[in-house]
Amino acid sequence: MVELKPGARFQSTVCSTEVIVVKGAGEVDLTCGGAPMVASGTGEISGSPSGDAAGGTQLGKRYGNADETIELLATKAGDGSLAADGGALEIAQAKTLPASD
């Protein structure tokens, strides 16, 4: 479990993925490639992502959960897929802005 708060940085232990928290609060079981993520700079990459969590993470994309309580920005791409509390995090869709006629 890691403590989510905006600005916190985490890295994967099974691939090169790194993220920064944009939105979220509280303790969450944050994983990448099926393995727990750790605070940036505190872990080493060992192993590889599990087969069911190897969809990849894209640089510069925002990832969030279905109820929009968690949002992460990928600062480094990797082979593992992101998940929080067992639920996959998907690429967040851009919100449409109102027309300014």
PDB file of N, CA and C in Angstrom:
ATOM      1  N   MET A   1       0.844  -1.188   0.000  1.00  0.00           N
ATOM      2  CA  MET A   1       0.000   0.000   0.000  1.00  0.00           C
ATOM      3  C   MET A   1       0.885   1.245   0.000  1.00  0.00           C
ATOM      4  N   VAL A   2       0.473   2.222  -0.788  1.00  0.00           N
ATOM      5  CA  VAL A   2       1.178   3.499  -0.826  1.00  0.00           C
ATOM      6  C   VAL A   2       0.191   4.616  -0.489  1.00  0.00           C
ATOM      7  N   GLU A   3       0.701   5.704   0.013  1.00  0.00           N
ATOM      8  CA  GLU A   3      -0.116   6.869   0.352  1.00  0.00           C
ATOM      9  C   GLU A   3      -0.166   7.796  -0.857  1.00  0.00           C
ATOM     10  N   LEU A   4      -1.370   7.940  -1.448  1.00  0.00           N
ATOM     11  CA  LEU A   4      -1.532   8.834  -2.593  1.00  0.00           C
ATOM     12  C   LEU A   4      -1.783  10.242  -2.116  1.00  0.00           C
ATOM     13  N   LYS A   5      -1.040  11.180  -2.685  1.00  0.00           N
ATOM     14  CA  LYS A   5      -1.299  12.602  -2.487  1.00  0.00           C
ATOM     15  C   LYS A   5      -0.744  13.307  -3.711  1.00  0.00           C
ATOM     16  N   PRO A   6      -1.400  14.362  -4.179  1.00  0.00           N
ATOM     17  CA  PRO A   6      -0.934  15.047  -5.385  1.00  0.00           C
ATOM     18  C   PRO A   6       0.536  15.442  -5.282  1.00  0.00           C
ATOM     19  N   GLY A   7       1.284  15.139  -6.344  1.00  0.00           N
ATOM     20  CA  GLY A   7       2.703  15.447  -6.396  1.00  0.00           C
ATOM     21  C   GLY A   7       3.603  14.284  -6.023  1.00  0.00           C
ATOM     22  N   ALA A   8       3.047  13.238  -5.403  1.00  0.00           N
ATOM     23  CA  ALA A   8       3.849  12.064  -5.030  1.00  0.00           C
ATOM     24  C   ALA A   8       4.274  11.321  -6.294  1.00  0.00           C
ATOM     25  N   ARG A   9       5.497  10.783  -6.272  1.00  0.00           N
ATOM     26  CA  ARG A   9       6.035  10.065  -7.427  1.00  0.00           C
ATOM     27  C   ARG A   9       6.286   8.605  -7.060  1.00  0.00           C
ATOM     28  N   PHE A  10       5.938   7.716  -7.994  1.00  0.00           N
ATOM     29  CA  PHE A  10       6.115   6.285  -7.786  1.00  0.00           C
ATOM     30  C   PHE A  10       6.740   5.652  -9.015  1.00  0.00           C
ATOM     31  N   GLN A  11       7.447   4.530  -8.790  1.00  0.00           N
ATOM     32  CA  GLN A  11       8.060   3.790  -9.889  1.00  0.00           C
ATOM     33  C   GLN A  11       7.720   2.317  -9.774  1.00  0.00           C
ATOM     34  N   SER A  12       7.723   1.662 -10.931  1.00  0.00           N
ATOM     35  CA  SER A  12       7.478   0.226 -10.991  1.00  0.00           C
ATOM     36  C   SER A  12       8.730  -0.521 -10.567  1.00  0.00           C
ATOM     37  N   THR A  13       8.532  -1.739 -10.062  1.00  0.00           N
ATOM     38  CA  THR A  13       9.677  -2.590  -9.713  1.00  0.00           C
ATOM     39  C   THR A  13       9.910  -3.675 -10.761  1.00  0.00           C
ATOM     40  N   VAL A  14       9.060  -3.712 -11.821  1.00  0.00           N
ATOM     41  CA  VAL A  14       9.221  -4.736 -12.863  1.00  0.00           C
ATOM     42  C   VAL A  14       9.395  -4.152 -14.265  1.00  0.00           C
ATOM     43  N   CYS A  15       9.323  -2.831 -14.411  1.00  0.00           N
ATOM     44  CA  CYS A  15       9.552  -2.191 -15.701  1.00  0.00           C
ATOM     45  C   CYS A  15       9.978  -0.745 -15.460  1.00  0.00           C
ATOM     46  N   SER A  16      10.129   0.015 -16.515  1.00  0.00           N
ATOM     47  CA  SER A  16      10.640   1.381 -16.391  1.00  0.00           C
ATOM     48  C   SER A  16       9.563   2.427 -16.089  1.00  0.00           C
ATOM     49  N   THR A  17       8.317   2.037 -15.893  1.00  0.00           N
ATOM     50  CA  THR A  17       7.220   2.977 -15.659  1.00  0.00           C
ATOM     51  C   THR A  17       7.439   3.820 -14.406  1.00  0.00           C
ATOM     52  N   GLU A  18       7.205   5.134 -14.555  1.00  0.00           N
ATOM     53  CA  GLU A  18       7.199   6.065 -13.427  1.00  0.00           C
ATOM     54  C   GLU A  18       5.990   6.967 -13.584  1.00  0.00           C
ATOM     55  N   VAL A  19       5.347   7.311 -12.464  1.00  0.00           N
ATOM     56  CA  VAL A  19       4.145   8.147 -12.486  1.00  0.00           C
ATOM     57  C   VAL A  19       4.222   9.213 -11.399  1.00  0.00           C
ATOM     58  N   ILE A  20       3.408  10.256 -11.580  1.00  0.00           N
ATOM     59  CA  ILE A  20       3.217  11.279 -10.565  1.00  0.00           C
ATOM     60  C   ILE A  20       1.715  11.370 -10.312  1.00  0.00           C
ATOM     61  N   VAL A  21       1.329  11.523  -9.057  1.00  0.00           N
ATOM     62  CA  VAL A  21      -0.088  11.581  -8.697  1.00  0.00           C
ATOM     63  C   VAL A  21      -0.638  12.972  -9.017  1.00  0.00           C
ATOM     64  N   VAL A  22      -1.703  13.023  -9.814  1.00  0.00           N
ATOM     65  CA  VAL A  22      -2.392  14.266 -10.129  1.00  0.00           C
ATOM     66  C   VAL A  22      -3.580  14.438  -9.185  1.00  0.00           C
ATOM     67  N   LYS A  23      -4.308  13.336  -8.965  1.00  0.00           N
ATOM     68  CA  LYS A  23      -5.478  13.371  -8.080  1.00  0.00           C
ATOM     69  C   LYS A  23      -5.558  12.057  -7.325  1.00  0.00           C
ATOM     70  N   GLY A  24      -5.871  12.146  -6.042  1.00  0.00           N
ATOM     71  CA  GLY A  24      -6.025  10.953  -5.224  1.00  0.00           C
ATOM     72  C   GLY A  24      -5.617  11.240  -3.793  1.00  0.00           C
ATOM     73  N   ALA A  25      -6.195  10.504  -2.877  1.00  0.00           N
ATOM     74  CA  ALA A  25      -5.866  10.662  -1.465  1.00  0.00           C
ATOM     75  C   ALA A  25      -6.095   9.342  -0.752  1.00  0.00           C
ATOM     76  N   GLY A  26      -5.273   9.076   0.246  1.00  0.00           N
ATOM     77  CA  GLY A  26      -5.432   7.876   1.045  1.00  0.00           C
ATOM     78  C   GLY A  26      -4.528   6.749   0.593  1.00  0.00           C
ATOM     79  N   GLU A  27      -4.628   5.628   1.303  1.00  0.00           N
ATOM     80  CA  GLU A  27      -3.806   4.468   1.005  1.00  0.00           C
ATOM     81  C   GLU A  27      -4.451   3.633  -0.095  1.00  0.00           C
ATOM     82  N   VAL A  28      -3.633   3.253  -1.059  1.00  0.00           N
ATOM     83  CA  VAL A  28      -4.097   2.489  -2.218  1.00  0.00           C
ATOM     84  C   VAL A  28      -3.076   1.404  -2.526  1.00  0.00           C
ATOM     85  N   ASP A  29      -3.554   0.259  -2.971  1.00  0.00           N
ATOM     86  CA  ASP A  29      -2.682  -0.814  -3.433  1.00  0.00           C
ATOM     87  C   ASP A  29      -2.377  -0.527  -4.900  1.00  0.00           C
ATOM     88  N   LEU A  30      -1.325   0.259  -5.154  1.00  0.00           N
ATOM     89  CA  LEU A  30      -0.954   0.694  -6.499  1.00  0.00           C
ATOM     90  C   LEU A  30       0.049  -0.288  -7.094  1.00  0.00           C
ATOM     91  N   THR A  31      -0.297  -0.843  -8.261  1.00  0.00           N
ATOM     92  CA  THR A  31       0.587  -1.820  -8.901  1.00  0.00           C
ATOM     93  C   THR A  31       0.866  -1.442 -10.339  1.00  0.00           C
ATOM     94  N   CYS A  32       1.970  -1.961 -10.849  1.00  0.00           N
ATOM     95  CA  CYS A  32       2.321  -1.824 -12.259  1.00  0.00           C
ATOM     96  C   CYS A  32       2.917  -3.150 -12.689  1.00  0.00           C
ATOM     97  N   GLY A  33       2.370  -3.729 -13.722  1.00  0.00           N
ATOM     98  CA  GLY A  33       2.850  -5.029 -14.182  1.00  0.00           C
ATOM     99  C   GLY A  33       2.558  -6.143 -13.206  1.00  0.00           C
ATOM    100  N   GLY A  34       1.591  -5.920 -12.312  1.00  0.00           N
ATOM    101  CA  GLY A  34       1.215  -6.922 -11.326  1.00  0.00           C
ATOM    102  C   GLY A  34       2.028  -6.876 -10.042  1.00  0.00           C
ATOM    103  N   ALA A  35       3.006  -5.978  -9.958  1.00  0.00           N
ATOM    104  CA  ALA A  35       3.850  -5.854  -8.765  1.00  0.00           C
ATOM    105  C   ALA A  35       3.631  -4.496  -8.105  1.00  0.00           C
ATOM    106  N   PRO A  36       3.744  -4.419  -6.780  1.00  0.00           N
ATOM    107  CA  PRO A  36       3.542  -3.146  -6.092  1.00  0.00           C
ATOM    108  C   PRO A  36       4.520  -2.067  -6.558  1.00  0.00           C
ATOM    109  N   MET A  37       4.018  -0.820  -6.654  1.00  0.00           N
ATOM    110  CA  MET A  37       4.879   0.311  -6.990  1.00  0.00           C
ATOM    111  C   MET A  37       5.485   0.859  -5.705  1.00  0.00           C
ATOM    112  N   VAL A  38       6.646   1.492  -5.818  1.00  0.00           N
ATOM    113  CA  VAL A  38       7.351   2.063  -4.671  1.00  0.00           C
ATOM    114  C   VAL A  38       7.645   3.534  -4.949  1.00  0.00           C
ATOM    115  N   ALA A  39       7.973   4.285  -3.898  1.00  0.00           N
ATOM    116  CA  ALA A  39       8.331   5.685  -4.058  1.00  0.00           C
ATOM    117  C   ALA A  39       9.522   5.795  -5.009  1.00  0.00           C
ATOM    118  N   SER A  40       9.525   6.813  -5.861  1.00  0.00           N
ATOM    119  CA  SER A  40      10.607   6.989  -6.829  1.00  0.00           C
ATOM    120  C   SER A  40      11.957   7.052  -6.139  1.00  0.00           C
ATOM    121  N   GLY A  41      12.917   6.372  -6.730  1.00  0.00           N
ATOM    122  CA  GLY A  41      14.277   6.371  -6.226  1.00  0.00           C
ATOM    123  C   GLY A  41      14.552   5.382  -5.117  1.00  0.00           C
ATOM    124  N   THR A  42      13.544   4.570  -4.738  1.00  0.00           N
ATOM    125  CA  THR A  42      13.750   3.636  -3.623  1.00  0.00           C
ATOM    126  C   THR A  42      13.791   2.172  -4.044  1.00  0.00           C
ATOM    127  N   GLY A  43      13.579   1.895  -5.313  1.00  0.00           N
ATOM    128  CA  GLY A  43      13.546   0.491  -5.740  1.00  0.00           C
ATOM    129  C   GLY A  43      14.353   0.258  -6.994  1.00  0.00           C
ATOM    130  N   GLU A  44      14.600  -1.006  -7.258  1.00  0.00           N
ATOM    131  CA  GLU A  44      15.298  -1.415  -8.469  1.00  0.00           C
ATOM    132  C   GLU A  44      14.376  -2.289  -9.306  1.00  0.00           C
ATOM    133  N   ILE A  45      14.612  -2.279 -10.600  1.00  0.00           N
ATOM    134  CA  ILE A  45      13.820  -3.111 -11.501  1.00  0.00           C
ATOM    135  C   ILE A  45      14.351  -4.537 -11.444  1.00  0.00           C
ATOM    136  N   SER A  46      13.436  -5.466 -11.140  1.00  0.00           N
ATOM    137  CA  SER A  46      13.805  -6.882 -11.143  1.00  0.00           C
ATOM    138  C   SER A  46      12.606  -7.682 -11.618  1.00  0.00           C
ATOM    139  N   GLY A  47      12.827  -8.604 -12.498  1.00  0.00           N
ATOM    140  CA  GLY A  47      11.737  -9.396 -13.042  1.00  0.00           C
ATOM    141  C   GLY A  47      11.124  -8.729 -14.249  1.00  0.00           C
ATOM    142  N   SER A  48       9.916  -9.139 -14.556  1.00  0.00           N
ATOM    143  CA  SER A  48       9.191  -8.574 -15.687  1.00  0.00           C
ATOM    144  C   SER A  48       7.702  -8.567 -15.349  1.00  0.00           C
ATOM    145  N   PRO A  49       6.919  -7.753 -16.066  1.00  0.00           N
ATOM    146  CA  PRO A  49       5.481  -7.691 -15.798  1.00  0.00           C
ATOM    147  C   PRO A  49       4.806  -9.045 -16.013  1.00  0.00           C
ATOM    148  N   SER A  50       3.797  -9.352 -15.192  1.00  0.00           N
ATOM    149  CA  SER A  50       3.046 -10.589 -15.385  1.00  0.00           C
ATOM    150  C   SER A  50       2.254 -10.487 -16.687  1.00  0.00           C
ATOM    151  N   GLY A  51       1.941 -11.625 -17.278  1.00  0.00           N
ATOM    152  CA  GLY A  51       1.286 -11.662 -18.580  1.00  0.00           C
ATOM    153  C   GLY A  51      -0.018 -10.895 -18.667  1.00  0.00           C
ATOM    154  N   ASP A  52      -0.834 -10.939 -17.605  1.00  0.00           N
ATOM    155  CA  ASP A  52      -2.124 -10.253 -17.637  1.00  0.00           C
ATOM    156  C   ASP A  52      -2.012  -8.770 -17.302  1.00  0.00           C
ATOM    157  N   ALA A  53      -0.829  -8.291 -16.958  1.00  0.00           N
ATOM    158  CA  ALA A  53      -0.634  -6.884 -16.628  1.00  0.00           C
ATOM    159  C   ALA A  53       0.516  -6.296 -17.446  1.00  0.00           C
ATOM    160  N   ALA A  54       0.626  -6.722 -18.698  1.00  0.00           N
ATOM    161  CA  ALA A  54       1.720  -6.268 -19.547  1.00  0.00           C
ATOM    162  C   ALA A  54       1.219  -5.465 -20.747  1.00  0.00           C
ATOM    163  N   GLY A  55       0.180  -4.666 -20.526  1.00  0.00           N
ATOM    164  CA  GLY A  55      -0.386  -3.860 -21.608  1.00  0.00           C
ATOM    165  C   GLY A  55       0.410  -2.613 -21.918  1.00  0.00           C
ATOM    166  N   GLY A  56       1.287  -2.210 -21.016  1.00  0.00           N
ATOM    167  CA  GLY A  56       2.131  -1.044 -21.243  1.00  0.00           C
ATOM    168  C   GLY A  56       1.547   0.248 -20.698  1.00  0.00           C
ATOM    169  N   THR A  57       2.444   1.188 -20.447  1.00  0.00           N
ATOM    170  CA  THR A  57       2.087   2.525 -19.982  1.00  0.00           C
ATOM    171  C   THR A  57       2.736   3.515 -20.938  1.00  0.00           C
ATOM    172  N   GLN A  58       1.964   4.501 -21.404  1.00  0.00           N
ATOM    173  CA  GLN A  58       2.448   5.454 -22.393  1.00  0.00           C
ATOM    174  C   GLN A  58       2.889   6.762 -21.743  1.00  0.00           C
ATOM    175  N   LEU A  59       4.031   7.276 -22.176  1.00  0.00           N
ATOM    176  CA  LEU A  59       4.580   8.520 -21.675  1.00  0.00           C
ATOM    177  C   LEU A  59       3.623   9.684 -21.907  1.00  0.00           C
ATOM    178  N   GLY A  60       3.409  10.498 -20.887  1.00  0.00           N
ATOM    179  CA  GLY A  60       2.592  11.702 -21.013  1.00  0.00           C
ATOM    180  C   GLY A  60       1.098  11.491 -20.934  1.00  0.00           C
ATOM    181  N   LYS A  61       0.651  10.258 -20.791  1.00  0.00           N
ATOM    182  CA  LYS A  61      -0.784   9.970 -20.704  1.00  0.00           C
ATOM    183  C   LYS A  61      -1.228   9.974 -19.246  1.00  0.00           C
ATOM    184  N   ARG A  62      -2.476  10.374 -19.037  1.00  0.00           N
ATOM    185  CA  ARG A  62      -3.070  10.347 -17.702  1.00  0.00           C
ATOM    186  C   ARG A  62      -3.902   9.084 -17.575  1.00  0.00           C
ATOM    187  N   TYR A  63      -3.755   8.411 -16.447  1.00  0.00           N
ATOM    188  CA  TYR A  63      -4.468   7.160 -16.185  1.00  0.00           C
ATOM    189  C   TYR A  63      -5.359   7.359 -14.968  1.00  0.00           C
ATOM    190  N   GLY A  64      -6.585   6.825 -15.041  1.00  0.00           N
ATOM    191  CA  GLY A  64      -7.505   6.977 -13.921  1.00  0.00           C
ATOM    192  C   GLY A  64      -8.414   5.781 -13.769  1.00  0.00           C
ATOM    193  N   ASN A  65      -9.115   5.761 -12.617  1.00  0.00           N
ATOM    194  CA  ASN A  65     -10.073   4.686 -12.366  1.00  0.00           C
ATOM    195  C   ASN A  65     -11.458   5.114 -12.836  1.00  0.00           C
ATOM    196  N   ALA A  66     -12.403   4.190 -12.802  1.00  0.00           N
ATOM    197  CA  ALA A  66     -13.739   4.435 -13.349  1.00  0.00           C
ATOM    198  C   ALA A  66     -14.493   5.543 -12.617  1.00  0.00           C
ATOM    199  N   ASP A  67     -14.318   5.650 -11.282  1.00  0.00           N
ATOM    200  CA  ASP A  67     -15.064   6.680 -10.551  1.00  0.00           C
ATOM    201  C   ASP A  67     -14.295   8.000 -10.442  1.00  0.00           C
ATOM    202  N   GLU A  68     -13.195   8.124 -11.176  1.00  0.00           N
ATOM    203  CA  GLU A  68     -12.412   9.355 -11.290  1.00  0.00           C
ATOM    204  C   GLU A  68     -11.896   9.902  -9.957  1.00  0.00           C
ATOM    205  N   THR A  69     -11.567   9.008  -9.017  1.00  0.00           N
ATOM    206  CA  THR A  69     -10.998   9.452  -7.743  1.00  0.00           C
ATOM    207  C   THR A  69      -9.479   9.401  -7.758  1.00  0.00           C
ATOM    208  N   ILE A  70      -8.905   8.699  -8.750  1.00  0.00           N
ATOM    209  CA  ILE A  70      -7.453   8.581  -8.881  1.00  0.00           C
ATOM    210  C   ILE A  70      -7.063   8.992 -10.293  1.00  0.00           C
ATOM    211  N   GLU A  71      -6.022   9.829 -10.386  1.00  0.00           N
ATOM    212  CA  GLU A  71      -5.475  10.190 -11.688  1.00  0.00           C
ATOM    213  C   GLU A  71      -3.957  10.265 -11.567  1.00  0.00           C
ATOM    214  N   LEU A  72      -3.274   9.517 -12.443  1.00  0.00           N
ATOM    215  CA  LEU A  72      -1.820   9.467 -12.460  1.00  0.00           C
ATOM    216  C   LEU A  72      -1.321   9.919 -13.824  1.00  0.00           C
ATOM    217  N   LEU A  73      -0.200  10.622 -13.856  1.00  0.00           N
ATOM    218  CA  LEU A  73       0.436  11.043 -15.094  1.00  0.00           C
ATOM    219  C   LEU A  73       1.701  10.222 -15.280  1.00  0.00           C
ATOM    220  N   ALA A  74       1.819   9.539 -16.408  1.00  0.00           N
ATOM    221  CA  ALA A  74       3.004   8.725 -16.682  1.00  0.00           C
ATOM    222  C   ALA A  74       4.158   9.635 -17.099  1.00  0.00           C
ATOM    223  N   THR A  75       5.226   9.643 -16.296  1.00  0.00           N
ATOM    224  CA  THR A  75       6.395  10.460 -16.595  1.00  0.00           C
ATOM    225  C   THR A  75       7.491   9.652 -17.268  1.00  0.00           C
ATOM    226  N   LYS A  76       7.323   8.344 -17.293  1.00  0.00           N
ATOM    227  CA  LYS A  76       8.255   7.448 -17.979  1.00  0.00           C
ATOM    228  C   LYS A  76       7.458   6.228 -18.434  1.00  0.00           C
ATOM    229  N   ALA A  77       7.578   5.870 -19.705  1.00  0.00           N
ATOM    230  CA  ALA A  77       6.829   4.744 -20.265  1.00  0.00           C
ATOM    231  C   ALA A  77       7.426   3.415 -19.805  1.00  0.00           C
ATOM    232  N   GLY A  78       6.613   2.373 -19.872  1.00  0.00           N
ATOM    233  CA  GLY A  78       7.081   1.044 -19.505  1.00  0.00           C
ATOM    234  C   GLY A  78       6.177  -0.038 -20.053  1.00  0.00           C
ATOM    235  N   ASP A  79       6.548  -1.292 -19.804  1.00  0.00           N
ATOM    236  CA  ASP A  79       5.808  -2.434 -20.328  1.00  0.00           C
ATOM    237  C   ASP A  79       4.636  -2.868 -19.456  1.00  0.00           C
ATOM    238  N   GLY A  80       4.589  -2.441 -18.197  1.00  0.00           N
ATOM    239  CA  GLY A  80       3.542  -2.862 -17.277  1.00  0.00           C
ATOM    240  C   GLY A  80       2.301  -2.000 -17.353  1.00  0.00           C
ATOM    241  N   SER A  81       1.161  -2.582 -16.982  1.00  0.00           N
ATOM    242  CA  SER A  81      -0.114  -1.858 -16.899  1.00  0.00           C
ATOM    243  C   SER A  81      -0.349  -1.415 -15.465  1.00  0.00           C
ATOM    244  N   LEU A  82      -0.961  -0.249 -15.300  1.00  0.00           N
ATOM    245  CA  LEU A  82      -1.238   0.307 -13.974  1.00  0.00           C
ATOM    246  C   LEU A  82      -2.568  -0.212 -13.421  1.00  0.00           C
ATOM    247  N   ALA A  83      -2.614  -0.404 -12.103  1.00  0.00           N
ATOM    248  CA  ALA A  83      -3.847  -0.817 -11.420  1.00  0.00           C
ATOM    249  C   ALA A  83      -3.848  -0.239 -10.014  1.00  0.00           C
ATOM    250  N   ALA A  84      -5.049  -0.017  -9.484  1.00  0.00           N
ATOM    251  CA  ALA A  84      -5.214   0.481  -8.115  1.00  0.00           C
ATOM    252  C   ALA A  84      -6.279  -0.352  -7.429  1.00  0.00           C
ATOM    253  N   ASP A  85      -5.939  -0.920  -6.285  1.00  0.00           N
ATOM    254  CA  ASP A  85      -6.848  -1.769  -5.515  1.00  0.00           C
ATOM    255  C   ASP A  85      -7.454  -2.878  -6.379  1.00  0.00           C
ATOM    256  N   GLY A  86      -6.657  -3.434  -7.272  1.00  0.00           N
ATOM    257  CA  GLY A  86      -7.089  -4.554  -8.104  1.00  0.00           C
ATOM    258  C   GLY A  86      -7.814  -4.171  -9.379  1.00  0.00           C
ATOM    259  N   GLY A  87      -8.159  -2.907  -9.540  1.00  0.00           N
ATOM    260  CA  GLY A  87      -8.858  -2.466 -10.753  1.00  0.00           C
ATOM    261  C   GLY A  87      -7.908  -1.760 -11.703  1.00  0.00           C
ATOM    262  N   ALA A  88      -7.974  -2.129 -12.976  1.00  0.00           N
ATOM    263  CA  ALA A  88      -7.084  -1.537 -13.978  1.00  0.00           C
ATOM    264  C   ALA A  88      -7.341  -0.040 -14.123  1.00  0.00           C
ATOM    265  N   LEU A  89      -6.263   0.723 -14.296  1.00  0.00           N
ATOM    266  CA  LEU A  89      -6.371   2.154 -14.576  1.00  0.00           C
ATOM    267  C   LEU A  89      -6.294   2.333 -16.086  1.00  0.00           C
ATOM    268  N   GLU A  90      -7.234   3.070 -16.635  1.00  0.00           N
ATOM    269  CA  GLU A  90      -7.319   3.276 -18.076  1.00  0.00           C
ATOM    270  C   GLU A  90      -6.869   4.688 -18.425  1.00  0.00           C
ATOM    271  N   ILE A  91      -6.503   4.896 -19.700  1.00  0.00           N
ATOM    272  CA  ILE A  91      -6.128   6.233 -20.157  1.00  0.00           C
ATOM    273  C   ILE A  91      -7.339   7.139 -20.018  1.00  0.00           C
ATOM    274  N   ALA A  92      -7.153   8.269 -19.349  1.00  0.00           N
ATOM    275  CA  ALA A  92      -8.242   9.217 -19.136  1.00  0.00           C
ATOM    276  C   ALA A  92      -8.537   9.946 -20.439  1.00  0.00           C
ATOM    277  N   GLN A  93      -9.795  10.081 -20.745  1.00  0.00           N
ATOM    278  CA  GLN A  93     -10.212  10.777 -21.964  1.00  0.00           C
ATOM    279  C   GLN A  93     -10.235  12.287 -21.715  1.00  0.00           C
ATOM    280  N   ALA A  94      -9.844  13.044 -22.708  1.00  0.00           N
ATOM    281  CA  ALA A  94      -9.845  14.512 -22.595  1.00  0.00           C
ATOM    282  C   ALA A  94     -11.272  14.997 -22.449  1.00  0.00           C
ATOM    283  N   LYS A  95     -11.449  15.966 -21.568  1.00  0.00           N
ATOM    284  CA  LYS A  95     -12.776  16.548 -21.377  1.00  0.00           C
ATOM    285  C   LYS A  95     -13.007  17.638 -22.411  1.00  0.00           C
ATOM    286  N   THR A  96     -14.209  17.663 -22.980  1.00  0.00           N
ATOM    287  CA  THR A  96     -14.523  18.679 -23.967  1.00  0.00           C
ATOM    288  C   THR A  96     -14.810  20.008 -23.273  1.00  0.00           C
ATOM    289  N   LEU A  97     -14.290  21.061 -23.841  1.00  0.00           N
ATOM    290  CA  LEU A  97     -14.498  22.391 -23.288  1.00  0.00           C
ATOM    291  C   LEU A  97     -15.711  23.024 -23.945  1.00  0.00           C
ATOM    292  N   PRO A  98     -16.418  23.890 -23.219  1.00  0.00           N
ATOM    293  CA  PRO A  98     -17.575  24.546 -23.822  1.00  0.00           C
ATOM    294  C   PRO A  98     -17.132  25.505 -24.934  1.00  0.00           C
ATOM    295  N   ALA A  99     -18.008  25.668 -25.901  1.00  0.00           N
ATOM    296  CA  ALA A  99     -17.709  26.586 -27.002  1.00  0.00           C
ATOM    297  C   ALA A  99     -17.638  28.023 -26.495  1.00  0.00           C
ATOM    298  N   SER A 100     -16.743  28.805 -27.072  1.00  0.00           N
ATOM    299  CA  SER A 100     -16.620  30.209 -26.657  1.00  0.00           C
ATOM    300  C   SER A 100     -16.922  31.097 -27.842  1.00  0.00           C
ATOM    301  N   ASP A 101     -18.186  31.133 -28.185  1.00  0.00           N
ATOM    302  CA  ASP A 101     -18.620  31.896 -29.369  1.00  0.00           C
ATOM    303  C   ASP A 101     -18.497  33.368 -29.135  1.00  0.00           C
TER     304      ASP A 101
END
